[in-house]
């Protein structure tokens, strides 16, 4: 899919309706998608959506809006290096 970084900047929002319709705004790129996983790049980082029978129902390239339909199981932001540290969470608690 063609890179959408030239679009007018719009705030990043996520709306999930009944675990079956996922509206995402502020999308800059759709990396990959299949029936179980959709990966989109947003202004807040890469978002990985997992579920069953997922499909991109609508895509507005100019506004950066995406509608994904299917049964949504999870949504996770993949931030490379942002939250990682040399110490784990529990190591920092128990110094």
Protein backbone atom coordinates (compact mmCIF):
# COMPACT_ATOMS: atom_id res chain seq x y z
CA UNK A 1 0.00 0.00 0.00
CA UNK A 2 1.21 3.47 -0.79
CA UNK A 3 2.67 5.54 2.06
CA UNK A 4 0.15 8.03 3.46
CA UNK A 5 2.60 10.36 5.28
CA UNK A 6 1.71 13.31 3.05
CA UNK A 7 -1.81 13.53 4.46
CA UNK A 8 -3.00 16.47 6.48
CA UNK A 9 -2.24 15.86 10.15
CA UNK A 10 -5.33 14.72 12.05
CA UNK A 11 -5.52 13.68 15.71
CA UNK A 12 -5.13 9.98 16.40
CA UNK A 13 -8.27 8.42 17.86
CA UNK A 14 -9.59 4.89 18.25
CA UNK A 15 -13.25 3.94 18.61
CA UNK A 16 -14.26 0.33 19.12
CA UNK A 17 -17.93 -0.59 18.75
CA UNK A 18 -18.94 -3.93 20.25
CA UNK A 19 -15.57 -5.56 19.42
CA UNK A 20 -16.72 -5.71 15.79
CA UNK A 21 -16.07 -2.27 14.30
CA UNK A 22 -12.82 -0.41 14.86
CA UNK A 23 -12.52 3.20 13.68
CA UNK A 24 -8.97 4.61 13.62
CA UNK A 25 -8.02 8.18 12.69
CA UNK A 26 -4.54 9.64 12.32
CA UNK A 27 -3.28 6.65 10.31
CA UNK A 28 -0.17 7.37 8.27
CA UNK A 29 0.34 3.94 6.66
CA UNK A 30 -1.20 0.48 6.48
CA UNK A 31 1.74 -1.88 6.78
CA UNK A 32 0.12 -5.26 6.31
CA UNK A 33 -3.11 -7.09 6.88
CA UNK A 34 -4.66 -10.55 6.78
CA UNK A 35 -7.64 -12.30 8.39
CA UNK A 36 -6.00 -12.34 11.84
CA UNK A 37 -3.70 -9.29 12.00
CA UNK A 38 -3.77 -5.71 10.76
CA UNK A 39 -0.73 -3.45 11.25
CA UNK A 40 -1.16 0.30 10.85
CA UNK A 41 1.26 3.14 11.49
CA UNK A 42 -0.22 6.05 13.40
CA UNK A 43 1.05 9.31 14.77
CA UNK A 44 1.42 7.55 18.14
CA UNK A 45 3.37 4.54 16.84
CA UNK A 46 2.71 1.26 15.11
CA UNK A 47 -0.61 -0.33 16.09
CA UNK A 48 -1.09 -4.10 15.80
CA UNK A 49 -4.72 -5.28 15.77
CA UNK A 50 -5.42 -9.00 16.24
CA UNK A 51 -8.69 -10.84 15.84
CA UNK A 52 -10.74 -13.15 13.66
CA UNK A 53 -12.11 -12.50 10.17
CA UNK A 54 -10.56 -9.00 10.07
CA UNK A 55 -10.92 -6.90 6.94
CA UNK A 56 -10.44 -3.25 6.09
CA UNK A 57 -13.94 -2.08 5.31
CA UNK A 58 -13.02 1.49 4.40
CA UNK A 59 -9.84 3.47 3.97
CA UNK A 60 -9.73 7.23 3.46
CA UNK A 61 -6.21 8.03 2.31
CA UNK A 62 -6.73 11.80 2.36
CA UNK A 63 -7.93 11.95 5.98
CA UNK A 64 -6.03 8.96 7.36
CA UNK A 65 -9.19 7.17 8.52
CA UNK A 66 -9.53 3.38 8.59
CA UNK A 67 -12.52 1.17 9.45
CA UNK A 68 -11.70 -2.44 10.36
CA UNK A 69 -14.47 -5.00 10.76
CA UNK A 70 -14.27 -8.42 12.36
CA UNK A 71 -13.94 -9.80 15.89
CA UNK A 72 -11.26 -7.72 17.65
CA UNK A 73 -9.19 -9.56 20.27
CA UNK A 74 -6.42 -7.06 20.98
CA UNK A 75 -4.82 -3.75 20.02
CA UNK A 76 -1.18 -3.16 20.94
CA UNK A 77 1.17 -0.28 20.18
CA UNK A 78 4.65 -1.37 19.18
CA UNK A 79 7.01 1.42 20.21
CA UNK A 80 10.59 0.65 19.34
CA UNK A 81 12.82 1.72 22.21
CA UNK A 82 10.33 4.12 23.81
CA UNK A 83 9.38 1.98 26.80
CA UNK A 84 12.36 -0.32 26.87
CA UNK A 85 15.07 0.15 29.44
CA UNK A 86 18.07 -1.79 30.68
CA UNK A 87 16.11 -2.72 33.78
CA UNK A 88 12.83 -4.55 33.82
CA UNK A 89 9.80 -3.30 35.72
CA UNK A 90 10.37 -5.58 38.71
CA UNK A 91 14.11 -4.91 38.80
CA UNK A 92 13.45 -1.20 39.21
CA UNK A 93 10.96 -1.93 42.03
CA UNK A 94 13.36 -4.17 43.95
CA UNK A 95 16.65 -2.24 43.85
